Structure formats: structure tokens, C-alpha cells
Amino acid sequence: MSAHPHHAAHGAGHDHHDHHGHHGHEDHADHGSLKTYAIGFVLSVILTAIPFWLVMNKTFDKSSTTALVILAFAAVQIVVHMVYFLHMNTRAEGGWSLLALVFTLVLVVITLSGSIWVMYHLNTNMMPGMAPGGAHQMHQMP
């Protein structure tokens, strides 16, 4: 008699496990299809080729305009990678996808603004020959 309820409970748990596993497999099939990866790859190639073409053809007169356009393409490419390769969407459980998106955006802003700030200050402070009297200051260094 004790074997029968144990078997029934085991069978019910087994059916529930199969249903849960099937749902997880369906969800995985949506996220990892070859079509999704192919679309992501094509968009990534396009989003890389356009900025390359803009720089090589000197499309914009000012380099700052070119830099801003390239940064915009880079931001779009980050979103493409997050959607098509990392499969981040609004249906994720518990808001973790939104938290990861916010964290990624904060890191991107810190990295880009920090890089631009460092490059600007290196350009203005480490080029002694370009500043007035810079060559004279180099000769007087101990």
C-alpha cells in the first residue's frame, strides 16, 4: 500500500517535470534559432561597415561630428548584440533583464565619457611642441 502512493506521487512529479522541461525547451528554441543569429550578424556587419565607410570617405568635415555619429552607431550595435546574441527582452523574469540593460548603459556611458575625457586631456597636456612655448619648456626640463 505504501508503494502505490509513492508511485503516484512520483508519477505526478514526473509529469510536472516533463511539462516544465517542454516549456523551457520551447523558450530556448525561440531564443537560439539560426535566423536570429543570422539577422544579428548581418546587422552587426552593416553597423560596422557604415562607420568605416564614413571615416574612409571623410564624409563629415568636422572630426567631432564623425566621432558622434560613430558613437551613435556603436550604441545601436550594443543594443543589437544584446537583443540578437544575448537574447535580452522585456519578457525576462523578475526584471533582471532591465537591470542588466541599465547596468550596461551605465558602464557604456562611463567608459565612453572617461575615454573621451582622457584622450582630450592627453592631447592638450602631452603635446609640448604644439603649445606656445612648448619646445622651449622641453629644453628647460631637468
Protein backbone atom coordinates (compact mmCIF):
# COMPACT_ATOMS: atom_id res chain seq x y z
CA MET A 1 0.00 0.00 0.00
CA SER A 2 2.82 2.43 0.75
CA ALA A 3 4.39 1.72 -2.66
CA HIS A 4 1.27 2.84 -4.52
CA PRO A 5 1.07 6.46 -3.16
CA HIS A 6 4.81 6.80 -3.60
CA HIS A 7 4.49 5.66 -7.21
CA ALA A 8 1.54 8.04 -7.83
CA ALA A 9 3.43 10.96 -6.30
CA HIS A 10 6.48 10.08 -8.33
CA GLY A 11 4.37 9.87 -11.49
CA ALA A 12 2.71 13.24 -10.82
CA GLY A 13 6.07 14.84 -10.19
CA HIS A 14 7.43 13.23 -13.32
CA ASP A 15 4.56 14.63 -15.43
CA HIS A 16 5.07 18.09 -13.95
CA HIS A 17 8.79 17.85 -14.66
CA ASP A 18 8.16 16.88 -18.29
CA HIS A 19 5.76 19.80 -18.76
CA HIS A 20 8.27 22.23 -17.24
CA GLY A 21 11.09 20.82 -19.36
CA HIS A 22 8.99 21.11 -22.53
CA HIS A 23 8.17 24.76 -21.77
CA GLY A 24 11.85 25.52 -21.20
CA HIS A 25 12.74 23.82 -24.48
CA GLU A 26 10.16 25.87 -26.39
CA ASP A 27 11.55 29.05 -24.88
CA HIS A 28 15.09 28.02 -25.82
CA ALA A 29 14.07 27.29 -29.42
CA ASP A 30 12.81 30.87 -29.82
CA HIS A 31 15.99 32.38 -28.47
CA GLY A 32 18.65 30.35 -30.24
CA SER A 33 17.41 29.98 -33.80
CA LEU A 34 19.75 30.29 -36.74
CA LYS A 35 17.53 33.02 -38.19
CA THR A 36 18.01 35.17 -35.06
CA TYR A 37 21.78 34.78 -35.17
CA ALA A 38 21.88 35.48 -38.92
CA ILE A 39 19.85 38.69 -38.51
CA GLY A 40 22.13 39.78 -35.67
CA PHE A 41 25.24 39.02 -37.70
CA VAL A 42 24.01 40.94 -40.77
CA LEU A 43 23.02 43.95 -38.66
CA SER A 44 26.41 43.87 -36.90
CA VAL A 45 28.28 43.82 -40.21
CA ILE A 46 26.19 46.72 -41.54
CA LEU A 47 26.63 48.71 -38.31
CA THR A 48 30.40 48.19 -38.59
CA ALA A 49 30.70 48.89 -42.32
CA ILE A 50 28.82 52.21 -42.28
CA PRO A 51 31.11 53.94 -39.73
CA PHE A 52 34.15 52.50 -41.54
CA TRP A 53 32.87 53.95 -44.81
CA LEU A 54 32.16 57.32 -43.13
CA VAL A 55 35.74 57.54 -41.86
CA MET A 56 37.43 56.32 -45.04
CA ASN A 57 35.50 58.72 -47.29
CA LYS A 58 35.79 61.65 -44.87
CA THR A 59 32.04 62.22 -45.21
CA PHE A 60 31.83 64.87 -42.48
CA ASP A 61 34.01 67.99 -42.42
CA LYS A 62 34.49 68.02 -38.66
CA SER A 63 36.04 65.06 -36.90
CA SER A 64 33.84 65.69 -33.85
CA THR A 65 30.73 65.12 -35.98
CA THR A 66 32.22 61.88 -37.29
CA ALA A 67 33.02 60.78 -33.73
CA LEU A 68 29.46 61.45 -32.55
CA VAL A 69 27.98 59.52 -35.49
CA ILE A 70 30.31 56.59 -34.80
CA LEU A 71 29.34 56.63 -31.12
CA ALA A 72 25.67 56.54 -32.14
CA PHE A 73 26.31 53.53 -34.38
CA ALA A 74 28.21 51.88 -31.52
CA ALA A 75 25.25 52.38 -29.16
CA VAL A 76 22.88 50.86 -31.73
CA GLN A 77 25.26 47.94 -32.18
CA ILE A 78 25.30 47.32 -28.43
CA VAL A 79 21.51 47.06 -28.49
CA VAL A 80 21.66 44.69 -31.50
CA HIS A 81 24.13 42.44 -29.65
CA MET A 82 22.01 42.46 -26.50
CA VAL A 83 18.82 41.54 -28.39
CA TYR A 84 20.07 39.10 -31.04
CA PHE A 85 23.03 37.43 -29.31
CA LEU A 86 22.34 37.78 -25.57
CA HIS A 87 18.56 37.35 -26.12
CA MET A 88 17.62 40.11 -23.70
CA ASN A 89 14.00 41.18 -23.96
CA THR A 90 11.17 42.56 -21.85
CA ARG A 91 9.80 39.08 -21.06
CA ALA A 92 12.67 38.14 -18.75
CA GLU A 93 11.77 37.01 -15.25
CA GLY A 94 11.96 39.30 -12.26
CA GLY A 95 13.23 42.40 -14.08
CA TRP A 96 16.79 41.08 -14.28
CA SER A 97 16.92 41.87 -17.98
CA LEU A 98 16.05 45.51 -17.31
CA LEU A 99 18.62 45.66 -14.52
CA ALA A 100 21.28 44.23 -16.85
CA LEU A 101 20.33 46.79 -19.52
CA VAL A 102 20.62 49.69 -17.07
CA PHE A 103 23.94 48.36 -15.78
CA THR A 104 25.25 48.01 -19.36
CA LEU A 105 24.15 51.55 -20.24
CA VAL A 106 25.85 52.96 -17.13
CA LEU A 107 29.07 51.13 -17.98
CA VAL A 108 28.95 52.31 -21.60
CA VAL A 109 28.43 55.94 -20.55
CA ILE A 110 31.26 55.76 -18.01
CA THR A 111 33.61 54.06 -20.49
CA LEU A 112 32.87 56.42 -23.39
CA SER A 113 32.91 59.63 -21.38
CA GLY A 114 36.03 58.56 -19.48
CA SER A 115 37.83 57.60 -22.69
CA ILE A 116 36.96 60.89 -24.39
CA TRP A 117 37.98 62.85 -21.27
CA VAL A 118 41.34 61.05 -21.02
CA MET A 119 42.08 61.41 -24.75
CA TYR A 120 41.21 65.12 -24.68
CA HIS A 121 43.48 65.78 -21.71
CA LEU A 122 46.29 63.68 -23.16
CA ASN A 123 46.01 65.66 -26.39
CA THR A 124 46.18 69.02 -24.62
CA ASN A 125 48.76 68.16 -21.94
CA MET A 126 51.15 65.74 -23.64
CA MET A 127 51.86 67.62 -26.86
CA PRO A 128 54.54 70.12 -25.80
CA GLY A 129 55.56 71.08 -29.34
CA MET A 130 52.05 72.22 -30.22
CA ALA A 131 51.52 74.63 -27.32
CA PRO A 132 53.09 78.11 -27.44
CA GLY A 133 56.50 77.90 -25.79
CA GLY A 134 56.25 74.11 -25.58
CA ALA A 135 59.55 73.45 -27.29
CA HIS A 136 61.23 75.99 -25.01
CA GLN A 137 59.78 74.22 -21.95
CA MET A 138 61.18 70.88 -23.13
CA HIS A 139 64.73 72.26 -23.21
CA GLN A 140 64.49 73.64 -19.68
CA MET A 141 63.37 70.34 -18.13
CA PRO A 142 65.99 68.95 -15.69
